[in-house]
PDB file of N, CA and C in Angstrom:
ATOM      1  N   MET A   1       8.840   5.696   5.231  1.00  0.00           N
ATOM      2  CA  MET A   1       9.000   5.468   6.816  1.00  0.00           C
ATOM      3  C   MET A   1      10.390   5.800   7.220  1.00  0.00           C
ATOM      4  N   VAL A   2      11.397   4.689   6.259  1.00  0.00           N
ATOM      5  CA  VAL A   2      12.516   4.854   6.791  1.00  0.00           C
ATOM      6  C   VAL A   2      12.953   6.623   6.221  1.00  0.00           C
ATOM      7  N   LEU A   3      12.634   7.223   5.568  1.00  0.00           N
ATOM      8  CA  LEU A   3      13.586   8.478   5.395  1.00  0.00           C
ATOM      9  C   LEU A   3      13.026   9.145   6.700  1.00  0.00           C
ATOM     10  N   GLN A   4      11.914   8.967   6.778  1.00  0.00           N
ATOM     11  CA  GLN A   4      11.358   9.703   8.403  1.00  0.00           C
ATOM     12  C   GLN A   4      12.298   9.394   9.409  1.00  0.00           C
ATOM     13  N   PHE A   5      12.106   8.321   9.446  1.00  0.00           N
ATOM     14  CA  PHE A   5      12.835   7.704  10.702  1.00  0.00           C
ATOM     15  C   PHE A   5      14.521   8.127  10.648  1.00  0.00           C
ATOM     16  N   LEU A   6      14.942   8.276   9.642  1.00  0.00           N
ATOM     17  CA  LEU A   6      16.796   8.931   9.722  1.00  0.00           C
ATOM     18  C   LEU A   6      16.705  10.417   9.451  1.00  0.00           C
ATOM     19  N   THR A   7      15.314  11.235   9.100  1.00  0.00           N
ATOM     20  CA  THR A   7      15.713  12.375   9.490  1.00  0.00           C
ATOM     21  C   THR A   7      15.271  13.433  10.583  1.00  0.00           C
ATOM     22  N   GLU A   8      14.426  12.327  11.455  1.00  0.00           N
ATOM     23  CA  GLU A   8      14.049  12.824  12.865  1.00  0.00           C
ATOM     24  C   GLU A   8      15.363  13.667  13.263  1.00  0.00           C
ATOM     25  N   PRO A   9      14.805  14.462  14.305  1.00  0.00           N
ATOM     26  CA  PRO A   9      16.247  15.107  15.117  1.00  0.00           C
ATOM     27  C   PRO A   9      16.253  13.931  16.185  1.00  0.00           C
ATOM     28  N   ILE A  10      17.541  13.613  16.083  1.00  0.00           N
ATOM     29  CA  ILE A  10      18.170  13.127  17.690  1.00  0.00           C
ATOM     30  C   ILE A  10      17.383  13.468  18.479  1.00  0.00           C
ATOM     31  N   GLY A  11      16.961  14.053  19.336  1.00  0.00           N
ATOM     32  CA  GLY A  11      16.602  14.529  20.730  1.00  0.00           C
ATOM     33  C   GLY A  11      14.995  13.898  20.797  1.00  0.00           C
ATOM     34  N   GLN A  12      14.496  14.089  19.637  1.00  0.00           N
ATOM     35  CA  GLN A  12      13.004  13.517  19.805  1.00  0.00           C
ATOM     36  C   GLN A  12      12.986  12.023  19.859  1.00  0.00           C
ATOM     37  N   SER A  13      11.864  11.253  20.514  1.00  0.00           N
ATOM     38  CA  SER A  13      11.823   9.786  20.615  1.00  0.00           C
ATOM     39  C   SER A  13      11.642   9.167  19.338  1.00  0.00           C
ATOM     40  N   ARG A  14      12.081   8.177  19.204  1.00  0.00           N
ATOM     41  CA  ARG A  14      12.187   7.843  17.734  1.00  0.00           C
ATOM     42  C   ARG A  14      11.379   6.172  18.093  1.00  0.00           C
ATOM     43  N   LYS A  15      10.680   5.769  17.368  1.00  0.00           N
ATOM     44  CA  LYS A  15       9.813   4.528  17.496  1.00  0.00           C
ATOM     45  C   LYS A  15      10.319   3.661  16.163  1.00  0.00           C
ATOM     46  N   SER A  16      11.359   2.683  16.736  1.00  0.00           N
ATOM     47  CA  SER A  16      11.957   1.825  15.834  1.00  0.00           C
ATOM     48  C   SER A  16      10.809   0.689  15.058  1.00  0.00           C
ATOM     49  N   ALA A  17       9.577   0.611  15.737  1.00  0.00           N
ATOM     50  CA  ALA A  17       8.871  -0.887  15.170  1.00  0.00           C
ATOM     51  C   ALA A  17       8.648  -0.636  13.705  1.00  0.00           C
ATOM     52  N   PRO A  18       8.554   0.634  13.106  1.00  0.00           N
ATOM     53  CA  PRO A  18       7.686   0.570  11.340  1.00  0.00           C
ATOM     54  C   PRO A  18       9.306   0.570  10.644  1.00  0.00           C
ATOM     55  N   ILE A  19      10.562   0.307  11.105  1.00  0.00           N
ATOM     56  CA  ILE A  19      11.757   0.474  10.352  1.00  0.00           C
ATOM     57  C   ILE A  19      11.803  -1.156  10.515  1.00  0.00           C
ATOM     58  N   GLU A  20      11.671  -1.773  12.039  1.00  0.00           N
ATOM     59  CA  GLU A  20      11.804  -3.359  12.149  1.00  0.00           C
ATOM     60  C   GLU A  20      10.670  -4.280  11.017  1.00  0.00           C
ATOM     61  N   ARG A  21       9.450  -3.341  11.011  1.00  0.00           N
ATOM     62  CA  ARG A  21       8.948  -4.435  10.118  1.00  0.00           C
ATOM     63  C   ARG A  21       9.039  -3.655   8.638  1.00  0.00           C
ATOM     64  N   ALA A  22       9.553  -3.209   8.079  1.00  0.00           N
ATOM     65  CA  ALA A  22       9.953  -2.985   6.958  1.00  0.00           C
ATOM     66  C   ALA A  22      11.330  -3.923   7.028  1.00  0.00           C
ATOM     67  N   PHE A  23      12.314  -4.107   7.528  1.00  0.00           N
ATOM     68  CA  PHE A  23      13.604  -5.200   7.778  1.00  0.00           C
ATOM     69  C   PHE A  23      12.586  -6.339   7.741  1.00  0.00           C
ATOM     70  N   LEU A  24      11.796  -6.604   8.478  1.00  0.00           N
ATOM     71  CA  LEU A  24      10.780  -7.892   8.208  1.00  0.00           C
ATOM     72  C   LEU A  24      10.428  -8.430   7.281  1.00  0.00           C
ATOM     73  N   THR A  25       9.308  -7.421   7.052  1.00  0.00           N
ATOM     74  CA  THR A  25       9.246  -7.737   5.090  1.00  0.00           C
ATOM     75  C   THR A  25      10.346  -8.191   4.326  1.00  0.00           C
ATOM     76  N   VAL A  26      11.341  -7.701   4.254  1.00  0.00           N
ATOM     77  CA  VAL A  26      12.155  -7.409   3.361  1.00  0.00           C
ATOM     78  C   VAL A  26      13.170  -9.265   3.909  1.00  0.00           C
ATOM     79  N   ARG A  27      13.164  -9.598   5.063  1.00  0.00           N
ATOM     80  CA  ARG A  27      13.696 -11.084   5.117  1.00  0.00           C
ATOM     81  C   ARG A  27      12.718 -12.160   4.682  1.00  0.00           C
ATOM     82  N   GLN A  28      11.294 -11.456   4.661  1.00  0.00           N
ATOM     83  CA  GLN A  28      10.887 -12.801   4.604  1.00  0.00           C
ATOM     84  C   GLN A  28      10.385 -13.151   3.152  1.00  0.00           C
ATOM     85  N   GLU A  29      10.519 -11.782   2.142  1.00  0.00           N
ATOM     86  CA  GLU A  29       9.832 -11.771   0.938  1.00  0.00           C
ATOM     87  C   GLU A  29      11.106 -11.856   0.016  1.00  0.00           C
ATOM     88  N   LEU A  30      12.318 -11.454   0.633  1.00  0.00           N
ATOM     89  CA  LEU A  30      13.598 -11.988  -0.267  1.00  0.00           C
ATOM     90  C   LEU A  30      14.345 -12.143   0.303  1.00  0.00           C
ATOM     91  N   LYS A  31      14.329 -13.893  -0.288  1.00  0.00           N
ATOM     92  CA  LYS A  31      15.304 -14.551   0.024  1.00  0.00           C
ATOM     93  C   LYS A  31      16.773 -14.342   0.545  1.00  0.00           C
ATOM     94  N   ARG A  32      17.157 -13.632  -0.764  1.00  0.00           N
ATOM     95  CA  ARG A  32      18.221 -13.225  -0.040  1.00  0.00           C
ATOM     96  C   ARG A  32      19.038 -12.323   1.207  1.00  0.00           C
ATOM     97  N   PHE A  33      17.971 -11.646   1.473  1.00  0.00           N
ATOM     98  CA  PHE A  33      18.235 -11.294   3.244  1.00  0.00           C
ATOM     99  C   PHE A  33      17.832 -12.457   4.093  1.00  0.00           C
ATOM    100  N   GLN A  34      17.482 -13.799   3.732  1.00  0.00           N
ATOM    101  CA  GLN A  34      17.258 -13.918   5.174  1.00  0.00           C
ATOM    102  C   GLN A  34      18.339 -14.564   6.134  1.00  0.00           C
ATOM    103  N   ARG A  35      18.358 -14.764   7.348  1.00  0.00           N
ATOM    104  CA  ARG A  35      19.529 -15.291   7.741  1.00  0.00           C
ATOM    105  C   ARG A  35      19.571 -16.891   8.015  1.00  0.00           C
ATOM    106  N   LYS A  36      20.683 -17.043   7.660  1.00  0.00           N
ATOM    107  CA  LYS A  36      21.432 -18.454   7.680  1.00  0.00           C
ATOM    108  C   LYS A  36      20.886 -19.370   6.188  1.00  0.00           C
ATOM    109  N   GLY A  37      20.324 -18.794   5.228  1.00  0.00           N
ATOM    110  CA  GLY A  37      19.724 -18.950   4.083  1.00  0.00           C
ATOM    111  C   GLY A  37      20.627 -19.359   3.290  1.00  0.00           C
ATOM    112  N   LEU A  38      20.187 -20.214   2.293  1.00  0.00           N
ATOM    113  CA  LEU A  38      21.498 -20.522   0.846  1.00  0.00           C
ATOM    114  C   LEU A  38      20.724 -19.655  -0.329  1.00  0.00           C
ATOM    115  N   GLY A  39      19.845 -18.702  -0.123  1.00  0.00           N
ATOM    116  CA  GLY A  39      19.413 -17.572  -1.180  1.00  0.00           C
ATOM    117  C   GLY A  39      20.652 -16.918  -1.133  1.00  0.00           C
ATOM    118  N   TYR A  40      21.532 -16.709  -2.045  1.00  0.00           N
ATOM    119  CA  TYR A  40      22.154 -15.362  -2.117  1.00  0.00           C
ATOM    120  C   TYR A  40      22.397 -14.974  -4.040  1.00  0.00           C
ATOM    121  N   SER A  41      22.975 -13.749  -3.749  1.00  0.00           N
ATOM    122  CA  SER A  41      23.745 -13.736  -4.809  1.00  0.00           C
ATOM    123  C   SER A  41      25.010 -13.633  -5.436  1.00  0.00           C
ATOM    124  N   LYS A  42      25.325 -13.674  -6.426  1.00  0.00           N
ATOM    125  CA  LYS A  42      26.839 -14.189  -6.828  1.00  0.00           C
ATOM    126  C   LYS A  42      27.565 -12.822  -6.852  1.00  0.00           C
ATOM    127  N   ASP A  43      26.961 -11.783  -7.288  1.00  0.00           N
ATOM    128  CA  ASP A  43      27.468 -10.648  -7.577  1.00  0.00           C
ATOM    129  C   ASP A  43      26.668  -9.589  -7.391  1.00  0.00           C
ATOM    130  N   LEU A  44      27.478  -7.914  -7.023  1.00  0.00           N
ATOM    131  CA  LEU A  44      26.771  -6.938  -6.485  1.00  0.00           C
ATOM    132  C   LEU A  44      25.300  -6.720  -7.238  1.00  0.00           C
ATOM    133  N   GLU A  45      25.819  -6.431  -8.396  1.00  0.00           N
ATOM    134  CA  GLU A  45      24.616  -6.447  -9.979  1.00  0.00           C
ATOM    135  C   GLU A  45      23.695  -6.795  -9.813  1.00  0.00           C
ATOM    136  N   THR A  46      23.509  -8.211  -9.775  1.00  0.00           N
ATOM    137  CA  THR A  46      22.205  -9.208  -9.421  1.00  0.00           C
ATOM    138  C   THR A  46      21.305  -8.663  -8.329  1.00  0.00           C
ATOM    139  N   HIS A  47      22.060  -8.815  -7.226  1.00  0.00           N
ATOM    140  CA  HIS A  47      22.050  -8.285  -5.839  1.00  0.00           C
ATOM    141  C   HIS A  47      20.910  -7.359  -6.084  1.00  0.00           C
ATOM    142  N   LYS A  48      21.542  -6.117  -6.495  1.00  0.00           N
ATOM    143  CA  LYS A  48      20.986  -4.864  -6.798  1.00  0.00           C
ATOM    144  C   LYS A  48      19.723  -5.123  -7.537  1.00  0.00           C
ATOM    145  N   LEU A  49      19.823  -5.735  -8.556  1.00  0.00           N
ATOM    146  CA  LEU A  49      18.753  -5.927  -9.544  1.00  0.00           C
ATOM    147  C   LEU A  49      17.271  -6.419  -8.783  1.00  0.00           C
ATOM    148  N   ALA A  50      17.544  -7.460  -7.770  1.00  0.00           N
ATOM    149  CA  ALA A  50      16.514  -8.362  -7.150  1.00  0.00           C
ATOM    150  C   ALA A  50      15.708  -7.336  -6.201  1.00  0.00           C
ATOM    151  N   VAL A  51      16.894  -7.007  -5.618  1.00  0.00           N
ATOM    152  CA  VAL A  51      16.270  -5.477  -4.563  1.00  0.00           C
ATOM    153  C   VAL A  51      15.470  -4.738  -5.000  1.00  0.00           C
ATOM    154  N   ALA A  52      15.926  -4.070  -6.055  1.00  0.00           N
ATOM    155  CA  ALA A  52      14.716  -3.003  -6.959  1.00  0.00           C
ATOM    156  C   ALA A  52      13.637  -3.933  -7.271  1.00  0.00           C
ATOM    157  N   LEU A  53      13.774  -4.630  -7.929  1.00  0.00           N
ATOM    158  CA  LEU A  53      12.642  -5.534  -8.398  1.00  0.00           C
ATOM    159  C   LEU A  53      11.031  -5.800  -7.465  1.00  0.00           C
ATOM    160  N   HIS A  54      11.784  -6.385  -6.346  1.00  0.00           N
ATOM    161  CA  HIS A  54      11.202  -6.454  -4.732  1.00  0.00           C
ATOM    162  C   HIS A  54      10.484  -5.138  -4.490  1.00  0.00           C
ATOM    163  N   PHE A  55      11.691  -4.139  -4.418  1.00  0.00           N
ATOM    164  CA  PHE A  55      10.342  -3.124  -4.085  1.00  0.00           C
ATOM    165  C   PHE A  55       9.468  -2.475  -5.045  1.00  0.00           C
ATOM    166  N   GLY A  56      10.174  -2.913  -5.950  1.00  0.00           N
ATOM    167  CA  GLY A  56       9.382  -2.076  -7.351  1.00  0.00           C
ATOM    168  C   GLY A  56       7.509  -3.041  -7.139  1.00  0.00           C
ATOM    169  N   VAL A  57       7.544  -4.293  -6.943  1.00  0.00           N
ATOM    170  CA  VAL A  57       6.414  -5.023  -6.835  1.00  0.00           C
ATOM    171  C   VAL A  57       5.822  -4.678  -5.439  1.00  0.00           C
ATOM    172  N   TYR A  58       6.396  -4.723  -4.510  1.00  0.00           N
ATOM    173  CA  TYR A  58       6.006  -4.271  -3.067  1.00  0.00           C
ATOM    174  C   TYR A  58       5.084  -2.955  -2.994  1.00  0.00           C
ATOM    175  N   ASN A  59       5.514  -1.871  -3.909  1.00  0.00           N
ATOM    176  CA  ASN A  59       5.092  -0.944  -3.662  1.00  0.00           C
ATOM    177  C   ASN A  59       4.162  -0.354  -4.672  1.00  0.00           C
ATOM    178  N   PHE A  60       4.197  -1.026  -5.990  1.00  0.00           N
ATOM    179  CA  PHE A  60       3.365  -0.361  -6.980  1.00  0.00           C
ATOM    180  C   PHE A  60       2.334  -1.725  -7.600  1.00  0.00           C
ATOM    181  N   VAL A  61       2.830  -2.754  -7.639  1.00  0.00           N
ATOM    182  CA  VAL A  61       1.639  -3.694  -8.160  1.00  0.00           C
ATOM    183  C   VAL A  61       1.149  -4.987  -6.756  1.00  0.00           C
ATOM    184  N   ARG A  62       2.046  -5.017  -5.415  1.00  0.00           N
ATOM    185  CA  ARG A  62       1.212  -5.404  -4.447  1.00  0.00           C
ATOM    186  C   ARG A  62       0.145  -4.532  -3.809  1.00  0.00           C
ATOM    187  N   GLN A  63      -1.058  -4.986  -3.379  1.00  0.00           N
ATOM    188  CA  GLN A  63      -1.904  -4.305  -2.690  1.00  0.00           C
ATOM    189  C   GLN A  63      -1.989  -4.616  -0.869  1.00  0.00           C
ATOM    190  N   HIS A  64      -1.795  -3.707  -0.403  1.00  0.00           N
ATOM    191  CA  HIS A  64      -1.551  -3.762   1.105  1.00  0.00           C
ATOM    192  C   HIS A  64      -2.644  -3.756   1.408  1.00  0.00           C
ATOM    193  N   HIS A  65      -3.540  -4.913   2.715  1.00  0.00           N
ATOM    194  CA  HIS A  65      -4.353  -4.460   3.498  1.00  0.00           C
ATOM    195  C   HIS A  65      -5.253  -3.116   4.090  1.00  0.00           C
ATOM    196  N   THR A  66      -3.618  -2.897   4.553  1.00  0.00           N
ATOM    197  CA  THR A  66      -4.220  -1.898   5.634  1.00  0.00           C
ATOM    198  C   THR A  66      -4.511   0.033   4.755  1.00  0.00           C
ATOM    199  N   LEU A  67      -3.996  -0.400   3.328  1.00  0.00           N
ATOM    200  CA  LEU A  67      -4.318   0.839   2.707  1.00  0.00           C
ATOM    201  C   LEU A  67      -5.149   0.534   1.718  1.00  0.00           C
ATOM    202  N   GLY A  68      -5.510  -0.434   1.609  1.00  0.00           N
ATOM    203  CA  GLY A  68      -6.661  -1.037   0.290  1.00  0.00           C
ATOM    204  C   GLY A  68      -5.882  -0.999  -0.904  1.00  0.00           C
ATOM    205  N   THR A  69      -5.112  -0.572  -0.751  1.00  0.00           N
ATOM    206  CA  THR A  69      -4.319   0.097  -2.671  1.00  0.00           C
ATOM    207  C   THR A  69      -2.834  -0.443  -2.300  1.00  0.00           C
ATOM    208  N   THR A  70      -2.193  -0.181  -3.231  1.00  0.00           N
ATOM    209  CA  THR A  70      -0.793  -0.095  -3.395  1.00  0.00           C
ATOM    210  C   THR A  70       0.190   1.053  -2.550  1.00  0.00           C
ATOM    211  N   PRO A  71       0.916   1.190  -1.885  1.00  0.00           N
ATOM    212  CA  PRO A  71       1.737   2.596  -1.306  1.00  0.00           C
ATOM    213  C   PRO A  71       2.095   3.769  -2.365  1.00  0.00           C
ATOM    214  N   ALA A  72       1.894   2.603  -3.636  1.00  0.00           N
ATOM    215  CA  ALA A  72       2.064   4.381  -4.504  1.00  0.00           C
ATOM    216  C   ALA A  72       1.054   4.841  -4.592  1.00  0.00           C
ATOM    217  N   VAL A  73      -0.048   4.028  -4.985  1.00  0.00           N
ATOM    218  CA  VAL A  73      -1.465   4.904  -5.223  1.00  0.00           C
ATOM    219  C   VAL A  73      -1.662   5.658  -3.923  1.00  0.00           C
ATOM    220  N   ALA A  74      -1.480   5.166  -2.410  1.00  0.00           N
ATOM    221  CA  ALA A  74      -1.968   5.927  -1.753  1.00  0.00           C
ATOM    222  C   ALA A  74      -1.104   6.923  -1.439  1.00  0.00           C
ATOM    223  N   SER A  75       0.045   7.227  -1.797  1.00  0.00           N
ATOM    224  CA  SER A  75       0.933   8.253  -1.817  1.00  0.00           C
ATOM    225  C   SER A  75       0.952   9.543  -2.468  1.00  0.00           C
ATOM    226  N   GLY A  76       0.084   9.276  -3.928  1.00  0.00           N
ATOM    227  CA  GLY A  76       0.007   9.714  -4.707  1.00  0.00           C
ATOM    228  C   GLY A  76       0.919   9.683  -6.281  1.00  0.00           C
ATOM    229  N   LEU A  77       1.643   8.764  -5.795  1.00  0.00           N
ATOM    230  CA  LEU A  77       2.710   8.615  -6.902  1.00  0.00           C
ATOM    231  C   LEU A  77       2.216   8.089  -7.948  1.00  0.00           C
ATOM    232  N   GLU A  78       1.293   7.409  -8.244  1.00  0.00           N
ATOM    233  CA  GLU A  78       0.665   6.734  -9.548  1.00  0.00           C
ATOM    234  C   GLU A  78      -1.048   6.259  -9.185  1.00  0.00           C
ATOM    235  N   GLU A  79      -1.820   6.504 -10.429  1.00  0.00           N
ATOM    236  CA  GLU A  79      -3.149   6.982 -10.013  1.00  0.00           C
ATOM    237  C   GLU A  79      -3.607   5.188 -10.159  1.00  0.00           C
ATOM    238  N   LYS A  80      -3.157   4.496 -10.805  1.00  0.00           N
ATOM    239  CA  LYS A  80      -3.795   3.184 -10.250  1.00  0.00           C
ATOM    240  C   LYS A  80      -2.481   2.551 -10.053  1.00  0.00           C
ATOM    241  N   PRO A  81      -2.730   0.711  -9.295  1.00  0.00           N
ATOM    242  CA  PRO A  81      -1.456  -0.098  -9.355  1.00  0.00           C
ATOM    243  C   PRO A  81      -1.174  -0.392 -10.877  1.00  0.00           C
ATOM    244  N   TRP A  82       0.035  -1.002 -10.505  1.00  0.00           N
ATOM    245  CA  TRP A  82       0.970  -1.702 -11.789  1.00  0.00           C
ATOM    246  C   TRP A  82       0.137  -2.990 -12.126  1.00  0.00           C
ATOM    247  N   SER A  83       0.566  -3.783 -12.753  1.00  0.00           N
ATOM    248  CA  SER A  83       0.391  -4.952 -13.444  1.00  0.00           C
ATOM    249  C   SER A  83       1.405  -5.723 -13.194  1.00  0.00           C
ATOM    250  N   LEU A  84       1.520  -7.054 -12.708  1.00  0.00           N
ATOM    251  CA  LEU A  84       2.754  -7.990 -12.870  1.00  0.00           C
ATOM    252  C   LEU A  84       3.091  -7.903 -14.554  1.00  0.00           C
ATOM    253  N   GLU A  85       2.382  -8.109 -15.659  1.00  0.00           N
ATOM    254  CA  GLU A  85       2.703  -7.875 -16.741  1.00  0.00           C
ATOM    255  C   GLU A  85       3.548  -6.362 -17.067  1.00  0.00           C
ATOM    256  N   GLN A  86       3.097  -5.507 -16.722  1.00  0.00           N
ATOM    257  CA  GLN A  86       3.849  -4.193 -17.114  1.00  0.00           C
ATOM    258  C   GLN A  86       5.457  -4.036 -16.146  1.00  0.00           C
ATOM    259  N   VAL A  87       5.296  -4.934 -14.817  1.00  0.00           N
ATOM    260  CA  VAL A  87       6.870  -4.888 -14.453  1.00  0.00           C
ATOM    261  C   VAL A  87       7.427  -5.841 -15.091  1.00  0.00           C
ATOM    262  N   VAL A  88       6.719  -6.999 -16.152  1.00  0.00           N
ATOM    263  CA  VAL A  88       7.734  -7.286 -16.768  1.00  0.00           C
ATOM    264  C   VAL A  88       8.208  -7.691 -17.906  1.00  0.00           C
ATOM    265  N   GLU A  89       7.982  -6.447 -18.483  1.00  0.00           N
ATOM    266  CA  GLU A  89       7.717  -5.394 -19.660  1.00  0.00           C
ATOM    267  C   GLU A  89       8.565  -4.452 -19.421  1.00  0.00           C
ATOM    268  N   MET A  90       8.385  -3.547 -18.638  1.00  0.00           N
ATOM    269  CA  MET A  90       9.764  -2.766 -18.204  1.00  0.00           C
ATOM    270  C   MET A  90      11.052  -3.107 -17.624  1.00  0.00           C
ATOM    271  N   THR A  91      10.727  -4.472 -16.945  1.00  0.00           N
ATOM    272  CA  THR A  91      12.389  -5.008 -16.554  1.00  0.00           C
ATOM    273  C   THR A  91      12.749  -5.847 -18.004  1.00  0.00           C
ATOM    274  N   THR A  92      11.944  -6.877 -18.660  1.00  0.00           N
ATOM    275  CA  THR A  92      12.502  -6.991 -20.307  1.00  0.00           C
ATOM    276  C   THR A  92      13.475  -6.016 -20.995  1.00  0.00           C
ATOM    277  N   ASN A  93      12.646  -4.570 -21.131  1.00  0.00           N
ATOM    278  CA  ASN A  93      13.055  -3.350 -21.591  1.00  0.00           C
ATOM    279  C   ASN A  93      14.662  -2.824 -21.290  1.00  0.00           C
ATOM    280  N   TYR A  94      14.349  -2.905 -19.777  1.00  0.00           N
ATOM    281  CA  TYR A  94      15.548  -2.632 -19.452  1.00  0.00           C
ATOM    282  C   TYR A  94      16.790  -3.209 -19.613  1.00  0.00           C
ATOM    283  N   MET A  95      16.504  -4.381 -19.397  1.00  0.00           N
ATOM    284  CA  MET A  95      17.454  -5.335 -19.429  1.00  0.00           C
ATOM    285  C   MET A  95      18.236  -5.650 -21.413  1.00  0.00           C
ATOM    286  N   LEU A  96      17.143  -5.224 -21.977  1.00  0.00           N
ATOM    287  CA  LEU A  96      17.270  -5.342 -23.601  1.00  0.00           C
ATOM    288  C   LEU A  96      18.277  -4.230 -23.728  1.00  0.00           C
ATOM    289  N   ARG A  97      18.204  -2.667 -23.021  1.00  0.00           N
ATOM    290  CA  ARG A  97      18.670  -1.609 -23.290  1.00  0.00           C
ATOM    291  C   ARG A  97      20.459  -2.022 -22.717  1.00  0.00           C
ATOM    292  N   LYS A  98      20.334  -2.510 -21.446  1.00  0.00           N
ATOM    293  CA  LYS A  98      21.469  -2.924 -20.994  1.00  0.00           C
ATOM    294  C   LYS A  98      22.694  -3.849 -21.866  1.00  0.00           C
ATOM    295  N   ILE A  99      21.924  -4.509 -22.538  1.00  0.00           N
ATOM    296  CA  ILE A  99      22.693  -5.560 -23.427  1.00  0.00           C
ATOM    297  C   ILE A  99      23.233  -5.027 -24.371  1.00  0.00           C
ATOM    298  N   LYS A 100      22.186  -3.814 -25.216  1.00  0.00           N
ATOM    299  CA  LYS A 100      22.747  -3.043 -26.464  1.00  0.00           C
ATOM    300  C   LYS A 100      24.305  -2.156 -25.840  1.00  0.00           C
ATOM    301  N   HIS A 101      24.188  -1.948 -24.780  1.00  0.00           N
ATOM    302  CA  HIS A 101      25.343  -0.763 -24.317  1.00  0.00           C
ATOM    303  C   HIS A 101      26.404  -1.123 -23.717  1.00  0.00           C
TER     304      HIS A 101
END
């Protein structure tokens, strides 16, 4: 959605509703992006990890009503939605590898 918006030629009419909707979803679901909110990241690395986790769950775990499944399954990236348990396990493994290095 965002990539399609950014790669369209300038001369064509662009509709900003999909991009605005995506940004609204992020602001509503990820406290770090709320306006005038107290939720913030103390460092950039923590912020990056929180955003990555949000988009991972949003695209691979959360079933969207309009799609009837997750965006990853609808686009053919995955055969079935991920469970939260899988995300927790992947996150734990990632953090353990990061600590070892």
